[in-house]
């Protein structure tokens, strides 16, 4: 009789936990949709439109190129005049100056995306570098990882916006602009979470050297686990000194799975403080 009571009690407890787990909201992201570009019908206007979607989306360009002063706002500038000013700036030592007109603009934009420190616009370099080092990551590497065709599309968008003839080549094969729809499941290590969420584009994580966002070194000495979680889910609730609101995406609660959040929190809590910092 006692055995039956114990079994019944255990069953009730297990069912209660199962019910409770299903009632709790689950933080889980949907896999990104796959956009395949049909090169058979892609024209210059379509390439420029694709480039704008990449600029605002996968390329994460608008995280910095906005009104907050982290980088020139390319969506509001007179790009025709701006590109000419960059190419004639006495400090410019890049390769694009050897080309003319639209070709020079394309070369300059490509150089800015792949070697952003080749020329840094005055006032937008990393602190203490005298505008010799750009805080912008290379777009062909993690976490952005634009393909050559995607880079050409962004160049086409910016050339078109600047009023120049689009000179980059159209892709010759169908290309996908996002990860496939098949869900590979949750990340199993914090480095993958950081790459997937693009954290190292703004914070100095995984040796990225980025300083668009505040340093997270020694974070556990300043915030407990709950406070770090809150800062990720509601980044505008408390803004670090010297930084502006709206730099960090507001939807990580939708993008991160619960397990991925815990991996990220474990990683951030274990970050050592920088040498000499209190």
Protein backbone atom coordinates (compact mmCIF):
# COMPACT_ATOMS: atom_id res chain seq x y z
CA UNK A 1 0.00 0.00 0.00
CA UNK A 2 2.82 2.39 0.90
CA UNK A 3 4.52 1.60 -2.42
CA UNK A 4 1.36 2.51 -4.35
CA UNK A 5 1.07 5.80 -2.46
CA UNK A 6 4.68 6.69 -3.23
CA UNK A 7 4.18 5.85 -6.90
CA UNK A 8 0.99 7.91 -7.07
CA UNK A 9 2.68 10.88 -5.36
CA UNK A 10 5.66 10.66 -7.76
CA UNK A 11 3.34 10.56 -10.75
CA UNK A 12 1.47 13.63 -9.54
CA UNK A 13 4.74 15.51 -9.04
CA UNK A 14 6.00 14.60 -12.55
CA UNK A 15 2.72 15.63 -14.13
CA UNK A 16 2.78 18.91 -12.22
CA UNK A 17 6.30 19.73 -13.45
CA UNK A 18 5.31 18.84 -17.02
CA UNK A 19 2.25 21.08 -16.85
CA UNK A 20 4.25 23.93 -15.31
CA UNK A 21 6.96 23.67 -17.98
CA UNK A 22 4.37 23.88 -20.74
CA UNK A 23 2.64 26.87 -19.17
CA UNK A 24 5.86 28.89 -18.99
CA UNK A 25 6.54 31.03 -22.09
CA UNK A 26 9.40 29.61 -24.13
CA UNK A 27 12.03 31.95 -25.55
CA UNK A 28 12.72 30.49 -28.97
CA UNK A 29 13.57 32.04 -32.31
CA UNK A 30 12.15 31.01 -35.63
CA UNK A 31 14.74 30.05 -38.24
CA UNK A 32 15.38 32.83 -40.76
CA UNK A 33 13.54 32.56 -44.05
CA UNK A 34 15.53 31.64 -47.11
CA UNK A 35 15.44 34.28 -49.86
CA UNK A 36 16.73 32.93 -53.16
CA UNK A 37 17.56 35.54 -55.77
CA UNK A 38 16.44 34.56 -59.27
CA UNK A 39 19.36 35.72 -61.39
CA UNK A 40 17.44 35.01 -64.59
CA UNK A 41 15.20 38.01 -63.89
CA UNK A 42 17.48 40.11 -61.67
CA UNK A 43 18.17 43.53 -63.18
CA UNK A 44 20.04 46.54 -61.82
CA UNK A 45 17.01 47.85 -59.94
CA UNK A 46 16.44 44.44 -58.38
CA UNK A 47 20.10 44.17 -57.38
CA UNK A 48 19.98 47.60 -55.72
CA UNK A 49 16.73 46.67 -53.90
CA UNK A 50 18.33 43.44 -52.70
CA UNK A 51 21.32 45.46 -51.50
CA UNK A 52 19.06 47.76 -49.51
CA UNK A 53 17.45 44.76 -47.78
CA UNK A 54 20.92 43.47 -46.90
CA UNK A 55 21.99 46.94 -45.70
CA UNK A 56 19.01 47.15 -43.36
CA UNK A 57 18.98 43.46 -42.43
CA UNK A 58 21.70 40.82 -42.58
CA UNK A 59 24.47 43.39 -43.00
CA UNK A 60 23.42 45.11 -39.73
CA UNK A 61 24.65 48.39 -41.26
CA UNK A 62 21.92 50.51 -39.67
CA UNK A 63 23.09 49.55 -36.18
CA UNK A 64 25.84 52.14 -36.61
CA UNK A 65 24.99 54.10 -39.75
CA UNK A 66 22.17 56.08 -38.16
CA UNK A 67 21.52 59.39 -36.42
CA UNK A 68 23.29 58.38 -33.20
CA UNK A 69 26.74 59.41 -34.41
CA UNK A 70 28.55 56.07 -34.32
CA UNK A 71 29.11 56.17 -38.08
CA UNK A 72 28.02 58.45 -40.95
CA UNK A 73 24.30 58.08 -41.68
CA UNK A 74 24.51 56.78 -45.23
CA UNK A 75 20.74 56.81 -45.62
CA UNK A 76 20.53 60.58 -45.12
CA UNK A 77 23.81 61.88 -46.54
CA UNK A 78 24.20 63.21 -50.07
CA UNK A 79 26.28 60.19 -51.02
CA UNK A 80 27.33 61.60 -54.37
CA UNK A 81 29.09 64.52 -52.67
CA UNK A 82 30.23 62.43 -49.70
CA UNK A 83 32.00 59.81 -51.82
CA UNK A 84 33.75 62.51 -53.85
CA UNK A 85 34.85 64.19 -50.60
CA UNK A 86 36.26 60.93 -49.25
CA UNK A 87 38.20 60.16 -52.42
CA UNK A 88 39.75 63.65 -52.50
CA UNK A 89 40.49 63.79 -48.76
CA UNK A 90 44.26 64.35 -48.31
CA UNK A 91 44.32 61.54 -45.74
CA UNK A 92 42.95 58.98 -48.20
CA UNK A 93 45.61 56.46 -49.23
CA UNK A 94 43.43 53.68 -50.55
CA UNK A 95 43.38 52.11 -54.00
CA UNK A 96 40.05 53.57 -55.15
CA UNK A 97 41.55 56.93 -56.07
CA UNK A 98 43.21 55.29 -59.08
CA UNK A 99 39.79 54.72 -60.69
CA UNK A 100 37.39 57.27 -62.14
CA UNK A 101 33.75 58.10 -61.53
CA UNK A 102 31.36 55.27 -60.72
CA UNK A 103 34.17 52.69 -60.77
CA UNK A 104 36.08 54.68 -58.14
CA UNK A 105 32.97 54.86 -55.95
CA UNK A 106 32.45 51.09 -56.23
CA UNK A 107 36.09 50.46 -55.36
CA UNK A 108 35.87 52.81 -52.37
CA UNK A 109 32.70 51.19 -51.02
CA UNK A 110 34.16 47.70 -51.43
CA UNK A 111 37.36 48.77 -49.69
CA UNK A 112 35.31 50.29 -46.85
CA UNK A 113 33.46 47.01 -46.37
CA UNK A 114 36.43 44.65 -46.61
CA UNK A 115 39.23 46.82 -45.19
CA UNK A 116 37.41 49.43 -43.09
CA UNK A 117 40.61 50.77 -41.54
CA UNK A 118 42.13 51.62 -44.94
CA UNK A 119 40.48 55.02 -44.56
CA UNK A 120 38.51 56.22 -41.56
CA UNK A 121 36.25 59.24 -41.88
CA UNK A 122 37.39 61.94 -39.46
CA UNK A 123 35.71 61.60 -36.09
CA UNK A 124 34.59 58.01 -36.55
CA UNK A 125 37.68 56.00 -35.62
CA UNK A 126 38.23 53.93 -32.51
CA UNK A 127 39.00 56.01 -29.45
CA UNK A 128 42.68 56.78 -29.07
CA UNK A 129 43.63 55.80 -32.64
CA UNK A 130 43.53 59.29 -34.20
CA UNK A 131 41.02 57.98 -36.76
CA UNK A 132 43.42 55.33 -38.03
CA UNK A 133 41.45 52.28 -36.89
CA UNK A 134 37.80 51.75 -37.73
CA UNK A 135 35.40 50.13 -35.25
CA UNK A 136 33.55 48.53 -38.18
CA UNK A 137 34.00 44.76 -38.64
CA UNK A 138 34.88 43.30 -42.04
CA UNK A 139 31.58 42.34 -43.61
CA UNK A 140 32.88 39.15 -45.21
CA UNK A 141 33.83 37.69 -41.82
CA UNK A 142 31.86 36.63 -38.75
CA UNK A 143 29.44 37.69 -37.47
CA UNK A 144 28.10 39.39 -40.64
CA UNK A 145 29.56 37.07 -43.31
CA UNK A 146 28.22 38.63 -46.49
CA UNK A 147 28.97 36.64 -49.64
CA UNK A 148 30.68 38.27 -52.66
CA UNK A 149 27.33 38.57 -54.45
CA UNK A 150 25.77 40.14 -51.35
CA UNK A 151 28.64 42.63 -51.10
CA UNK A 152 28.11 43.55 -54.75
CA UNK A 153 24.40 44.06 -54.05
CA UNK A 154 25.14 46.49 -51.18
CA UNK A 155 27.57 48.36 -53.43
CA UNK A 156 24.87 48.53 -56.12
CA UNK A 157 22.42 49.98 -53.59
CA UNK A 158 24.86 52.67 -52.45
CA UNK A 159 26.03 53.50 -55.98
CA UNK A 160 22.41 53.86 -57.09
CA UNK A 161 21.54 55.98 -54.05
CA UNK A 162 24.52 58.23 -54.78
CA UNK A 163 23.29 58.78 -58.34
CA UNK A 164 26.09 56.83 -60.02
CA UNK A 165 25.83 54.13 -62.63
CA UNK A 166 25.89 50.69 -61.02
CA UNK A 167 29.14 49.05 -62.15
CA UNK A 168 29.28 45.81 -60.14
CA UNK A 169 28.48 42.55 -61.91
CA UNK A 170 25.15 40.82 -61.61
CA UNK A 171 25.39 37.35 -60.01
CA UNK A 172 25.57 34.55 -62.57
CA UNK A 173 24.11 31.83 -60.35
CA UNK A 174 21.08 31.74 -58.01
CA UNK A 175 22.11 32.78 -54.53
CA UNK A 176 20.49 32.50 -51.10
CA UNK A 177 20.66 35.58 -48.88
CA UNK A 178 19.93 33.88 -45.55
CA UNK A 179 20.41 30.62 -43.76
CA UNK A 180 18.23 27.73 -44.91
CA UNK A 181 14.85 27.32 -43.25
CA UNK A 182 15.79 23.97 -41.74
CA UNK A 183 16.33 24.51 -38.03
CA UNK A 184 19.64 23.10 -36.85
CA UNK A 185 18.45 23.33 -33.27
CA UNK A 186 19.79 25.45 -30.43
CA UNK A 187 23.43 26.46 -30.23
CA UNK A 188 25.47 24.28 -27.89
CA UNK A 189 28.30 26.71 -27.08
CA UNK A 190 28.39 30.43 -26.24
CA UNK A 191 30.71 31.31 -29.14
CA UNK A 192 28.05 30.16 -31.61
CA UNK A 193 25.40 32.18 -29.78
CA UNK A 194 27.61 35.27 -29.97
CA UNK A 195 28.24 34.75 -33.69
CA UNK A 196 24.56 34.09 -34.45
CA UNK A 197 23.40 37.17 -32.57
CA UNK A 198 26.18 39.43 -33.88
CA UNK A 199 27.27 40.46 -30.37
CA UNK A 200 30.93 40.84 -31.34
CA UNK A 201 30.07 43.46 -33.97
CA UNK A 202 29.49 45.97 -31.16
CA UNK A 203 31.14 44.48 -28.06
CA UNK A 204 34.75 43.35 -27.73
CA UNK A 205 33.90 39.65 -27.64
CA UNK A 206 35.87 36.79 -29.23
CA UNK A 207 38.75 39.25 -29.77
CA UNK A 208 36.70 41.39 -32.17
CA UNK A 209 38.05 44.64 -30.70
CA UNK A 210 34.67 46.33 -31.25
CA UNK A 211 33.82 49.29 -29.04
CA UNK A 212 30.47 50.41 -30.46
CA UNK A 213 28.95 49.00 -27.27
CA UNK A 214 30.39 49.09 -23.73
CA UNK A 215 33.11 46.72 -22.62
CA UNK A 216 31.79 43.55 -20.99
CA UNK A 217 35.09 42.59 -19.36
CA UNK A 218 34.59 41.76 -15.69
CA UNK A 219 30.83 42.17 -16.12
CA UNK A 220 30.01 39.84 -13.21
CA UNK A 221 31.65 42.32 -10.82
CA UNK A 222 29.15 45.00 -11.90
CA UNK A 223 25.95 43.04 -12.48
CA UNK A 224 24.46 39.82 -11.17
CA UNK A 225 22.98 37.20 -13.48
CA UNK A 226 19.45 38.60 -13.30
CA UNK A 227 20.67 42.11 -14.16
CA UNK A 228 22.67 40.84 -17.15
CA UNK A 229 19.63 38.94 -18.40
CA UNK A 230 17.50 42.08 -18.03
CA UNK A 231 20.09 44.14 -19.91
CA UNK A 232 19.93 41.70 -22.85
CA UNK A 233 16.13 41.53 -22.94
CA UNK A 234 15.52 45.24 -22.32
CA UNK A 235 18.74 47.03 -23.33
CA UNK A 236 17.23 50.52 -23.11
CA UNK A 237 16.23 50.12 -19.46
CA UNK A 238 19.69 51.20 -18.31
CA UNK A 239 22.18 52.83 -20.68
CA UNK A 240 25.90 52.62 -19.93
CA UNK A 241 27.60 55.98 -19.49
CA UNK A 242 28.88 57.40 -22.77
CA UNK A 243 26.56 55.36 -24.97
CA UNK A 244 23.26 56.13 -26.65
CA UNK A 245 19.94 54.24 -26.46
CA UNK A 246 18.64 52.11 -29.34
CA UNK A 247 22.08 50.85 -30.38
CA UNK A 248 21.31 47.31 -29.26
CA UNK A 249 18.48 45.29 -30.85
CA UNK A 250 15.37 45.11 -28.70
CA UNK A 251 14.24 41.62 -29.81
CA UNK A 252 16.80 39.24 -28.35
CA UNK A 253 14.01 37.83 -26.20
CA UNK A 254 12.43 36.58 -29.44
CA UNK A 255 15.68 35.48 -31.08
CA UNK A 256 17.32 33.57 -28.23
CA UNK A 257 16.19 30.17 -27.05
CA UNK A 258 16.09 29.72 -23.30
CA UNK A 259 19.11 27.39 -23.33
CA UNK A 260 21.08 29.78 -25.53
CA UNK A 261 20.37 32.60 -23.12
CA UNK A 262 21.81 30.53 -20.26
CA UNK A 263 24.93 29.72 -22.31
CA UNK A 264 25.40 33.40 -23.04
CA UNK A 265 24.90 34.36 -19.39
CA UNK A 266 27.44 31.73 -18.28
CA UNK A 267 29.96 33.14 -20.76
CA UNK A 268 29.40 36.79 -19.82
CA UNK A 269 29.61 36.06 -16.09
CA UNK A 270 32.96 34.33 -16.61
CA UNK A 271 34.59 37.18 -18.57
CA UNK A 272 37.69 38.35 -16.69
CA UNK A 273 38.32 42.00 -15.96
CA UNK A 274 40.96 43.77 -17.99
CA UNK A 275 44.40 44.06 -16.46
CA UNK A 276 44.70 47.18 -14.34
CA UNK A 277 40.92 47.64 -14.11
CA UNK A 278 39.34 47.67 -10.71
